Protein backbone atom coordinates (compact mmCIF):
# COMPACT_ATOMS: atom_id res chain seq x y z
CA UNK A 1 300.93 -106.82 174.36
CA UNK A 2 299.40 -109.90 176.38
CA UNK A 3 297.11 -111.32 173.71
CA UNK A 4 297.64 -112.19 170.00
CA UNK A 5 294.47 -110.38 169.36
CA UNK A 6 296.24 -107.00 169.97
CA UNK A 7 298.83 -108.10 167.10
CA UNK A 8 297.06 -108.35 164.13
CA UNK A 9 298.25 -108.84 160.39
CA UNK A 10 295.28 -109.52 158.20
CA UNK A 11 295.19 -107.91 155.14
CA UNK A 12 291.84 -105.98 156.03
CA UNK A 13 293.12 -104.57 159.14
CA UNK A 14 296.43 -103.87 157.39
CA UNK A 15 295.23 -101.83 154.47
CA UNK A 16 292.87 -99.75 156.94
CA UNK A 17 296.05 -98.75 158.63
CA UNK A 18 297.56 -97.30 155.31
CA UNK A 19 297.77 -93.91 154.69
CA UNK A 20 295.44 -91.23 155.62
CA UNK A 21 292.49 -89.41 154.23
CA UNK A 22 294.17 -86.90 151.72
CA UNK A 23 292.42 -86.95 147.98
CA UNK A 24 295.74 -88.32 146.78
CA UNK A 25 295.73 -91.04 149.64
CA UNK A 26 292.34 -92.16 148.55
CA UNK A 27 293.42 -92.19 144.89
CA UNK A 28 296.63 -94.24 145.74
CA UNK A 29 294.45 -96.80 147.88
CA UNK A 30 291.71 -96.84 144.89
CA UNK A 31 294.19 -97.44 142.41
CA UNK A 32 295.70 -100.70 144.70
CA UNK A 33 299.19 -98.76 145.37
CA UNK A 34 299.43 -100.26 148.75
CA UNK A 35 302.71 -101.95 149.31
CA UNK A 36 304.95 -98.80 150.28
CA UNK A 37 302.60 -97.78 153.06
CA UNK A 38 301.46 -101.00 154.19
CA UNK A 39 302.31 -102.09 157.88
CA UNK A 40 303.17 -105.81 158.21
CA UNK A 41 301.58 -105.73 161.30
CA UNK A 42 299.31 -103.47 163.58
CA UNK A 43 299.69 -103.80 166.99
CA UNK A 44 297.71 -102.25 169.77
CA UNK A 45 299.22 -101.55 173.29
CA UNK A 46 296.86 -100.70 175.92
CA UNK A 47 299.32 -98.98 178.74
CA UNK A 48 302.22 -96.59 178.44
CA UNK A 49 304.45 -99.42 179.50
CA UNK A 50 303.23 -101.73 176.41
CA UNK A 51 304.14 -98.51 174.11
CA UNK A 52 307.63 -98.99 175.41
CA UNK A 53 307.72 -102.68 175.20
CA UNK A 54 306.58 -102.05 171.26
CA UNK A 55 310.03 -100.09 170.91
CA UNK A 56 312.14 -102.46 172.34
CA UNK A 57 310.70 -104.80 170.39
CA UNK A 58 311.35 -102.80 167.03
CA UNK A 59 314.61 -102.01 168.19
CA UNK A 60 315.58 -105.67 168.39
CA UNK A 61 314.26 -106.66 165.34
CA UNK A 62 315.17 -103.55 163.20
CA UNK A 63 311.49 -102.37 162.55
CA UNK A 64 310.04 -98.77 162.26
CA UNK A 65 306.91 -97.79 164.10
CA UNK A 66 303.75 -95.43 162.80
CA UNK A 67 301.75 -94.14 165.42
CA UNK A 68 298.08 -94.42 164.43
CA UNK A 69 295.20 -92.51 166.09
CA UNK A 70 292.08 -91.67 163.70
CA UNK A 71 293.78 -91.82 160.57
CA UNK A 72 292.74 -88.84 159.27
CA UNK A 73 296.14 -87.04 158.27
CA UNK A 74 295.61 -85.24 154.77
CA UNK A 75 299.32 -84.12 154.68
CA UNK A 76 300.88 -87.35 154.44
CA UNK A 77 301.60 -88.13 158.25
CA UNK A 78 301.04 -91.88 157.82
CA UNK A 79 303.02 -92.50 154.63
CA UNK A 80 306.65 -92.45 156.49
CA UNK A 81 309.90 -93.27 154.28
CA UNK A 82 310.27 -96.43 156.08
CA UNK A 83 313.72 -98.32 155.90
CA UNK A 84 312.46 -101.92 155.52
CA UNK A 85 309.56 -103.26 157.60
CA UNK A 86 307.21 -101.08 159.57
CA UNK A 87 304.36 -101.82 161.97
CA UNK A 88 301.27 -99.32 162.85
CA UNK A 89 300.98 -98.71 166.29
CA UNK A 90 297.12 -98.48 166.90
CA UNK A 91 296.29 -96.76 170.22
CA UNK A 92 292.70 -97.52 170.02
CA UNK A 93 292.70 -99.47 173.24
CA UNK A 94 293.98 -96.24 175.14
CA UNK A 95 290.72 -94.92 175.32
CA UNK A 96 289.79 -93.75 178.97
CA UNK A 97 289.33 -90.70 180.80
CA UNK A 98 292.37 -91.01 183.58
CA UNK A 99 291.26 -87.96 185.80
CA UNK A 100 289.10 -85.25 186.21
CA UNK A 101 289.86 -82.25 188.58
CA UNK A 102 286.57 -79.92 188.72
CA UNK A 103 288.08 -77.53 190.86
CA UNK A 104 291.06 -76.81 188.42
CA UNK A 105 288.77 -77.60 185.75
CA UNK A 106 291.55 -80.12 183.99
CA UNK A 107 291.09 -83.70 182.47
CA UNK A 108 293.78 -86.20 182.01
CA UNK A 109 292.82 -88.22 178.60
CA UNK A 110 294.18 -91.14 176.91
CA UNK A 111 295.56 -90.58 173.46
CA UNK A 112 293.43 -93.08 171.53
CA UNK A 113 290.08 -91.60 172.85
CA UNK A 114 287.98 -90.45 169.70
CA UNK A 115 286.86 -86.69 170.15
CA UNK A 116 282.75 -87.92 170.40
CA UNK A 117 284.01 -90.21 173.48
CA UNK A 118 286.14 -87.85 174.85
CA UNK A 119 283.12 -85.28 174.67
CA UNK A 120 280.64 -87.77 176.04
CA UNK A 121 282.83 -88.67 178.94
CA UNK A 122 283.49 -85.25 179.95
CA UNK A 123 279.45 -84.29 179.39
CA UNK A 124 279.10 -86.95 181.89
CA UNK A 125 280.79 -84.39 184.63
CA UNK A 126 279.20 -81.31 183.19
CA UNK A 127 282.38 -80.43 180.98
CA UNK A 128 283.30 -80.04 177.45
CA UNK A 129 286.48 -79.89 175.37
CA UNK A 130 284.93 -77.21 173.13
CA UNK A 131 287.16 -78.68 170.40
CA UNK A 132 285.27 -79.69 167.21
CA UNK A 133 287.61 -79.79 164.06
CA UNK A 134 286.03 -80.87 160.67
CA UNK A 135 287.67 -84.27 161.40
CA UNK A 136 285.85 -84.56 164.89
CA UNK A 137 283.88 -87.58 164.19
CA UNK A 138 287.24 -89.89 163.84
CA UNK A 139 290.12 -87.83 165.19
CA UNK A 140 291.63 -88.79 168.41
CA UNK A 141 292.85 -86.80 171.50
CA UNK A 142 296.64 -87.82 170.87
CA UNK A 143 296.17 -86.93 167.40
CA UNK A 144 294.99 -83.40 168.16
CA UNK A 145 298.07 -82.90 170.00
CA UNK A 146 300.68 -84.31 167.89
CA UNK A 147 299.41 -82.26 165.18
CA UNK A 148 298.11 -78.97 166.89
CA UNK A 149 294.81 -79.23 165.87
CA UNK A 150 292.58 -76.12 165.66
CA UNK A 151 288.30 -76.58 166.06
CA UNK A 152 285.94 -74.76 164.44
CA UNK A 153 285.09 -73.11 167.80
CA UNK A 154 288.66 -71.73 167.92
CA UNK A 155 287.91 -68.05 168.44
CA UNK A 156 285.89 -68.75 171.89
CA UNK A 157 288.10 -72.03 173.14
CA UNK A 158 291.23 -72.06 171.52
CA UNK A 159 293.34 -74.09 169.77
CA UNK A 160 293.98 -77.36 170.98
CA UNK A 161 297.60 -76.70 171.75
CA UNK A 162 296.46 -74.03 174.02
CA UNK A 163 294.13 -76.21 176.04
CA UNK A 164 297.12 -78.71 176.58
CA UNK A 165 298.65 -78.15 180.52
CA UNK A 166 300.68 -81.24 180.41
CA UNK A 167 301.33 -84.56 178.48
CA UNK A 168 303.38 -87.71 178.87
CA UNK A 169 305.39 -89.11 175.97
CA UNK A 170 306.94 -92.60 175.55
CA UNK A 171 310.23 -92.37 173.53
CA UNK A 172 312.67 -95.29 172.28
CA UNK A 173 314.73 -93.65 175.34
CA UNK A 174 312.35 -93.32 177.99
CA UNK A 175 309.37 -91.30 179.22
CA UNK A 176 309.33 -87.73 179.11
CA UNK A 177 306.55 -86.09 181.64
CA UNK A 178 306.09 -82.13 180.67
CA UNK A 179 303.96 -79.41 182.62
CA UNK A 180 303.16 -79.50 186.47
CA UNK A 181 301.37 -76.00 186.61
CA UNK A 182 299.34 -74.01 184.04
CA UNK A 183 302.13 -71.60 183.49
CA UNK A 184 305.93 -71.99 184.29
CA UNK A 185 309.03 -69.67 184.03
CA UNK A 186 311.38 -72.88 184.74
CA UNK A 187 313.13 -72.72 181.50
CA UNK A 188 311.70 -73.44 178.28
CA UNK A 189 308.52 -75.10 177.77
CA UNK A 190 309.03 -78.66 176.74
CA UNK A 191 305.13 -78.82 175.81
CA UNK A 192 305.45 -77.08 173.05
CA UNK A 193 308.68 -78.99 171.67
CA UNK A 194 306.19 -81.95 171.60
CA UNK A 195 303.00 -80.69 170.64
CA UNK A 196 303.13 -80.77 167.06
CA UNK A 197 305.98 -83.31 166.92
CA UNK A 198 303.93 -85.68 164.90
CA UNK A 199 305.19 -88.72 166.37
CA UNK A 200 308.42 -88.51 165.25
CA UNK A 201 309.67 -88.07 168.54
CA UNK A 202 307.61 -90.61 170.51
CA UNK A 203 303.82 -91.44 171.17
CA UNK A 204 301.78 -89.47 173.35
CA UNK A 205 300.39 -91.63 176.23
CA UNK A 206 298.46 -89.07 178.03
CA UNK A 207 297.42 -85.49 177.90
CA UNK A 208 296.19 -83.36 180.65
CA UNK A 209 293.88 -80.37 179.28
CA UNK A 210 291.92 -77.75 180.09
CA UNK A 211 288.06 -78.07 180.12
CA UNK A 212 284.99 -75.96 180.47
CA UNK A 213 281.45 -76.27 181.56
CA UNK A 214 279.12 -77.46 179.24
CA UNK A 215 277.33 -74.13 177.68
CA UNK A 216 273.65 -73.69 178.80
CA UNK A 217 272.98 -72.49 175.08
CA UNK A 218 274.67 -72.68 171.55
CA UNK A 219 273.47 -70.10 168.85
CA UNK A 220 274.88 -69.66 165.49
CA UNK A 221 273.53 -66.99 162.78
CA UNK A 222 274.54 -65.91 159.52
CA UNK A 223 275.82 -62.43 158.28
CA UNK A 224 276.56 -61.03 154.60
CA UNK A 225 278.96 -58.79 153.48
CA UNK A 226 279.63 -57.04 149.87
CA UNK A 227 282.96 -58.62 149.33
CA UNK A 228 285.88 -60.83 150.99
CA UNK A 229 287.77 -57.84 151.93
CA UNK A 230 285.23 -55.95 153.76
CA UNK A 231 284.05 -59.25 155.72
CA UNK A 232 287.63 -59.85 156.83
CA UNK A 233 287.98 -56.23 157.76
CA UNK A 234 285.00 -57.22 160.21
CA UNK A 235 286.33 -60.23 161.52
CA UNK A 236 289.53 -58.56 162.17
CA UNK A 237 287.51 -55.81 164.37
CA UNK A 238 286.03 -58.55 166.23
CA UNK A 239 289.23 -60.60 166.75
CA UNK A 240 291.03 -57.46 167.75
CA UNK A 241 288.59 -55.25 170.01
CA UNK A 242 285.95 -57.71 170.73
CA UNK A 243 283.65 -59.14 171.80
CA UNK A 244 284.88 -62.29 170.25
CA UNK A 245 282.02 -64.85 169.00
CA UNK A 246 282.83 -68.73 169.96
CA UNK A 247 282.77 -68.98 166.32
CA UNK A 248 283.62 -66.86 163.47
CA UNK A 249 284.28 -67.71 159.88
CA UNK A 250 283.86 -66.03 156.35
CA UNK A 251 283.56 -67.92 152.92
CA UNK A 252 284.69 -65.85 150.05
CA UNK A 253 282.67 -65.02 146.79
CA UNK A 254 282.85 -68.18 145.23
CA UNK A 255 282.72 -70.49 148.19
CA UNK A 256 279.50 -68.52 149.04
CA UNK A 257 278.25 -68.83 145.62
CA UNK A 258 278.78 -72.69 145.21
CA UNK A 259 277.34 -73.08 148.73
CA UNK A 260 280.32 -74.97 150.49
CA UNK A 261 279.52 -73.10 153.67
CA UNK A 262 276.39 -75.48 153.65
CA UNK A 263 277.60 -78.81 152.19
CA UNK A 264 274.45 -80.37 152.25
CA UNK A 265 273.16 -78.01 149.45
CA UNK A 266 276.16 -78.59 147.21
CA UNK A 267 274.68 -80.11 143.82
CA UNK A 268 270.70 -78.95 144.77
CA UNK A 269 270.79 -76.15 142.60
CA UNK A 270 270.37 -73.98 145.76
CA UNK A 271 273.21 -71.24 145.41
CA UNK A 272 273.84 -69.19 148.21
CA UNK A 273 273.14 -65.27 147.63
CA UNK A 274 276.01 -62.95 146.23
CA UNK A 275 278.60 -61.53 148.58
CA UNK A 276 280.26 -63.30 150.93
CA UNK A 277 278.33 -64.99 154.04
CA UNK A 278 279.95 -65.09 157.58
CA UNK A 279 279.09 -67.36 160.71
CA UNK A 280 279.38 -66.32 164.02
CA UNK A 281 278.67 -68.59 166.66
CA UNK A 282 277.93 -67.88 170.40
CA UNK A 283 278.43 -70.54 173.13
CA UNK A 284 278.15 -70.30 177.20
CA UNK A 285 275.63 -68.91 179.77
CA UNK A 286 272.40 -67.79 178.31
CA UNK A 287 273.13 -64.09 179.86
CA UNK A 288 276.57 -63.90 178.56
CA UNK A 289 275.62 -65.42 174.92
CA UNK A 290 273.06 -62.75 174.51
CA UNK A 291 275.35 -59.97 175.97
CA UNK A 292 278.32 -61.16 173.25
CA UNK A 293 275.73 -61.30 170.49
CA UNK A 294 274.19 -57.97 170.72
CA UNK A 295 277.74 -56.30 171.20
CA UNK A 296 279.15 -58.30 168.12
CA UNK A 297 276.27 -57.79 165.81
CA UNK A 298 276.77 -53.83 166.55
CA UNK A 299 280.20 -54.00 165.33
CA UNK A 300 279.24 -56.22 162.53
CA UNK A 301 276.68 -53.83 161.13
CA UNK A 302 279.11 -50.96 161.50
CA UNK A 303 281.55 -52.77 159.24
CA UNK A 304 279.31 -53.33 156.75
CA UNK A 305 277.54 -56.62 157.36
CA UNK A 306 273.80 -57.65 156.96
CA UNK A 307 272.24 -59.87 159.32
CA UNK A 308 270.78 -63.31 157.58
CA UNK A 309 269.21 -64.65 160.86
CA UNK A 310 269.92 -68.05 162.68
CA UNK A 311 268.87 -70.39 159.53
CA UNK A 312 272.46 -69.86 157.89
CA UNK A 313 274.17 -70.82 161.31
CA UNK A 314 271.83 -73.46 162.12
CA UNK A 315 272.57 -75.26 158.40
CA UNK A 316 276.21 -74.71 159.18
CA UNK A 317 276.25 -76.14 162.23
CA UNK A 318 274.17 -79.15 161.06
CA UNK A 319 276.40 -80.04 158.28
CA UNK A 320 279.92 -78.72 159.25
CA UNK A 321 281.50 -82.30 159.30
CA UNK A 322 280.06 -83.10 155.83
CA UNK A 323 282.62 -81.90 153.47
CA UNK A 324 285.14 -84.60 153.43
CA UNK A 325 282.51 -87.18 152.42
CA UNK A 326 281.56 -85.68 149.32
CA UNK A 327 285.24 -86.59 147.82
CA UNK A 328 284.50 -90.05 147.23
CA UNK A 329 281.30 -89.20 145.08
CA UNK A 330 283.13 -86.71 143.08
CA UNK A 331 286.11 -88.97 142.61
CA UNK A 332 283.75 -91.43 141.13
CA UNK A 333 282.30 -88.65 138.75
CA UNK A 334 285.91 -87.83 137.63
CA UNK A 335 286.60 -84.78 139.79
CA UNK A 336 289.30 -83.69 141.89
CA UNK A 337 288.52 -82.11 145.37
CA UNK A 338 291.40 -81.17 147.88
CA UNK A 339 292.00 -78.52 150.62
CA UNK A 340 294.94 -76.70 151.82
CA UNK A 341 295.40 -74.26 154.58
CA UNK A 342 297.81 -71.26 155.72
CA UNK A 343 297.88 -68.50 158.25
CA UNK A 344 299.38 -65.19 158.42
CA UNK A 345 299.35 -61.64 160.05
CA UNK A 346 296.51 -59.58 159.11
CA UNK A 347 298.46 -57.19 157.09
CA UNK A 348 299.73 -59.94 154.59
CA UNK A 349 296.15 -61.78 154.45
CA UNK A 350 295.19 -60.11 151.29
CA UNK A 351 298.50 -61.02 149.26
CA UNK A 352 298.64 -64.27 150.48
CA UNK A 353 294.88 -65.11 149.57
CA UNK A 354 295.53 -63.78 146.38
CA UNK A 355 299.03 -65.70 145.73
CA UNK A 356 297.62 -68.56 146.56
CA UNK A 357 294.61 -68.48 144.55
CA UNK A 358 296.79 -67.15 141.36
CA UNK A 359 299.37 -70.08 141.90
CA UNK A 360 296.55 -72.81 142.05
CA UNK A 361 294.65 -71.30 139.07
CA UNK A 362 297.64 -70.92 136.68
CA UNK A 363 299.17 -74.35 137.54
CA UNK A 364 295.78 -76.14 137.17
CA UNK A 365 294.78 -73.92 134.01
CA UNK A 366 298.12 -74.61 132.10
CA UNK A 367 297.68 -78.56 132.96
CA UNK A 368 294.41 -78.45 131.13
CA UNK A 369 292.21 -78.71 134.08
CA UNK A 370 290.77 -75.33 134.84
CA UNK A 371 289.92 -75.14 138.55
CA UNK A 372 287.41 -73.89 140.98
CA UNK A 373 288.97 -72.23 143.90
CA UNK A 374 287.26 -71.26 147.09
CA UNK A 375 288.36 -70.30 150.35
CA UNK A 376 287.16 -69.20 153.79
CA UNK A 377 288.85 -67.75 157.08
CA UNK A 378 287.93 -69.81 160.12
CA UNK A 379 290.43 -69.49 162.98
CA UNK A 380 291.01 -65.36 163.87
CA UNK A 381 293.55 -64.31 166.28
CA UNK A 382 294.28 -60.52 167.42
CA UNK A 383 297.10 -60.86 164.97
CA UNK A 384 296.29 -62.74 162.12
CA UNK A 385 293.93 -65.33 160.63
CA UNK A 386 293.73 -68.62 158.62
CA UNK A 387 292.98 -69.23 155.10
CA UNK A 388 291.45 -72.71 154.06
CA UNK A 389 291.12 -73.43 150.39
CA UNK A 390 289.46 -75.85 148.61
CA UNK A 391 290.07 -76.64 145.00
CA UNK A 392 287.79 -78.88 142.76
CA UNK A 393 288.97 -79.73 139.24
CA UNK A 394 288.95 -82.19 136.41
CA UNK A 395 291.10 -85.13 137.63
CA UNK A 396 293.34 -85.07 134.52
CA UNK A 397 295.36 -88.67 133.06
CA UNK A 398 297.29 -88.69 136.53
CA UNK A 399 295.76 -86.89 139.08
CA UNK A 400 298.19 -87.52 141.84
CA UNK A 401 300.86 -86.06 139.59
CA UNK A 402 298.46 -83.59 138.60
CA UNK A 403 297.84 -82.24 142.18
CA UNK A 404 301.28 -82.52 143.29
CA UNK A 405 302.44 -79.98 140.85
CA UNK A 406 299.79 -77.42 141.77
CA UNK A 407 300.32 -78.18 145.73
CA UNK A 408 303.90 -77.58 144.98
CA UNK A 409 303.24 -73.97 143.51
CA UNK A 410 300.79 -73.11 146.33
CA UNK A 411 303.69 -74.08 148.77
CA UNK A 412 305.84 -72.04 146.93
CA UNK A 413 303.48 -68.93 146.93
CA UNK A 414 302.90 -69.07 150.83
CA UNK A 415 306.07 -69.03 151.69
CA UNK A 416 307.02 -66.15 149.11
CA UNK A 417 304.09 -64.42 150.69
CA UNK A 418 304.73 -64.92 154.17
CA UNK A 419 302.49 -67.28 155.14
CA UNK A 420 303.20 -70.62 157.40
CA UNK A 421 303.13 -73.71 155.58
CA UNK A 422 300.20 -75.25 157.98
CA UNK A 423 298.23 -73.63 160.30
CA UNK A 424 296.26 -76.84 161.80
CA UNK A 425 296.59 -79.75 158.97
CA UNK A 426 300.29 -80.46 160.00
CA UNK A 427 303.59 -81.02 158.42
CA UNK A 428 303.51 -84.82 157.39
CA UNK A 429 305.83 -85.59 154.06
CA UNK A 430 303.76 -83.33 152.09
CA UNK A 431 304.83 -80.09 153.67
CA UNK A 432 308.14 -81.30 155.21
CA UNK A 433 310.44 -79.49 152.97
CA UNK A 434 308.81 -76.40 152.92
CA UNK A 435 308.70 -76.51 156.73
CA UNK A 436 312.33 -77.11 156.90
CA UNK A 437 312.71 -74.03 154.75
CA UNK A 438 310.55 -71.94 157.05
CA UNK A 439 312.20 -72.67 160.17
CA UNK A 440 315.59 -71.94 158.55
CA UNK A 441 318.80 -74.67 158.48
CA UNK A 442 319.56 -74.00 162.34
CA UNK A 443 316.23 -75.12 163.33
CA UNK A 444 315.97 -78.15 161.57
CA UNK A 445 319.24 -78.89 162.94
CA UNK A 446 317.79 -78.23 166.63
CA UNK A 447 315.12 -80.55 165.70
CA UNK A 448 317.12 -83.28 164.10
CA UNK A 449 319.15 -83.14 167.55
CA UNK A 450 315.96 -84.02 169.59
CA UNK A 451 315.24 -86.70 167.19
CA UNK A 452 318.22 -88.07 167.52
CA UNK A 453 318.32 -87.87 171.24
CA UNK A 454 314.85 -89.43 171.87
CA UNK A 455 314.86 -91.72 168.93
CA UNK A 456 318.33 -92.57 168.09
CA UNK A 457 317.80 -95.48 166.05
CA UNK A 458 315.01 -93.52 163.93
CA UNK A 459 312.63 -95.89 164.05
CA UNK A 460 309.38 -93.61 164.44
CA UNK A 461 307.82 -92.26 161.59
CA UNK A 462 310.63 -91.89 159.53
CA UNK A 463 310.69 -89.08 156.88
CA UNK A 464 307.58 -87.27 158.73
CA UNK A 465 308.30 -83.75 159.88
CA UNK A 466 312.10 -83.97 159.42
CA UNK A 467 313.72 -85.69 156.18
CA UNK A 468 314.89 -89.23 157.41
CA UNK A 469 318.40 -89.74 158.24
């Protein structure tokens, strides 16, 4: 790697590259359970060729490697089933804007760019990616692609996998370049095979994405609906018939009451109004924003919505990255807080919502820690939507085992109700067994064949996405 400073073995660096940011990850780290997920070293390559050199080094010494971006995985994506010694491959030095094509409105970015850095670089040219997930402050471009991330403005800008036009993958068997046009009929789209591969097939070393002009205006407003069902029907109308806002989300009755749509108000005693709160946001030119807002408001009123003005929207926008930071305080207070998400077609969404709530409530209540289960819709499509659950309960005697039982019950409920095991968090190790069931034996074997061809020694993220051989 050219410099000893780019190979780090000190304890502090290794611990910072241990596990991700799920509540079980935090609990294990707090409890000193580090050995199983502690890398022997942290390597910091700066180029595609240096990543390939790391693979040769790993093959020579029998090491496994875990790609590391922002460290924000909440599904065990940074806790591989390593066989023997493994190293963390930190991509932070690969943090450049390689190219910007204002005519085609594309940008080529390196994977180690954190989202705020990428936005700042693009803004210097008058563009934005428009991708703002809750992990925005820490997550990286490579992580977005590797996990099929979805941002809070997905209704307007789309998911990250929809933004990717081409990418380059470094594998133990060489280099794979995919995508040379915005769309192609030249065989299956290999981009879609690599997006969501979670570092199991290789390391993404560059991504070309579509970009859009920085919006002239951003406006967010609140709406109230008498029930979650009524609000969901309103969101479906906008998703299917338009006009679709840039941001569109709906909290259920419990999440609205607790005020999780406004994280800064939690614990302040300022409860939200009854019913369900929705947030609609509009970004773009002033003329287009005003037009879409007016037309969307007519639909929302027709569907039973009551306007709450811009204040709820401003509060949501101001605090939309705050919720994950509350977990440490809750853990200190003896509470357990965790999230899970899924998605389904509109016709299946009510049954999926009920099934997951029931599974979580029943399992945790039977264990003696009745939970508070909250949910919101934050990503909508013409044919369906996502459900994002937040669960708070007492920790119990063994909080990790406690949550594992509840999460397994929720996973079973998701598959039985026709949902996908993950809408945007990814597979990691936590969802792996249910993902294999979701795609079926033949689908899993097809992915294993790809893994064997690109990573024949199984050195990359063993046990993530697919069971380790």
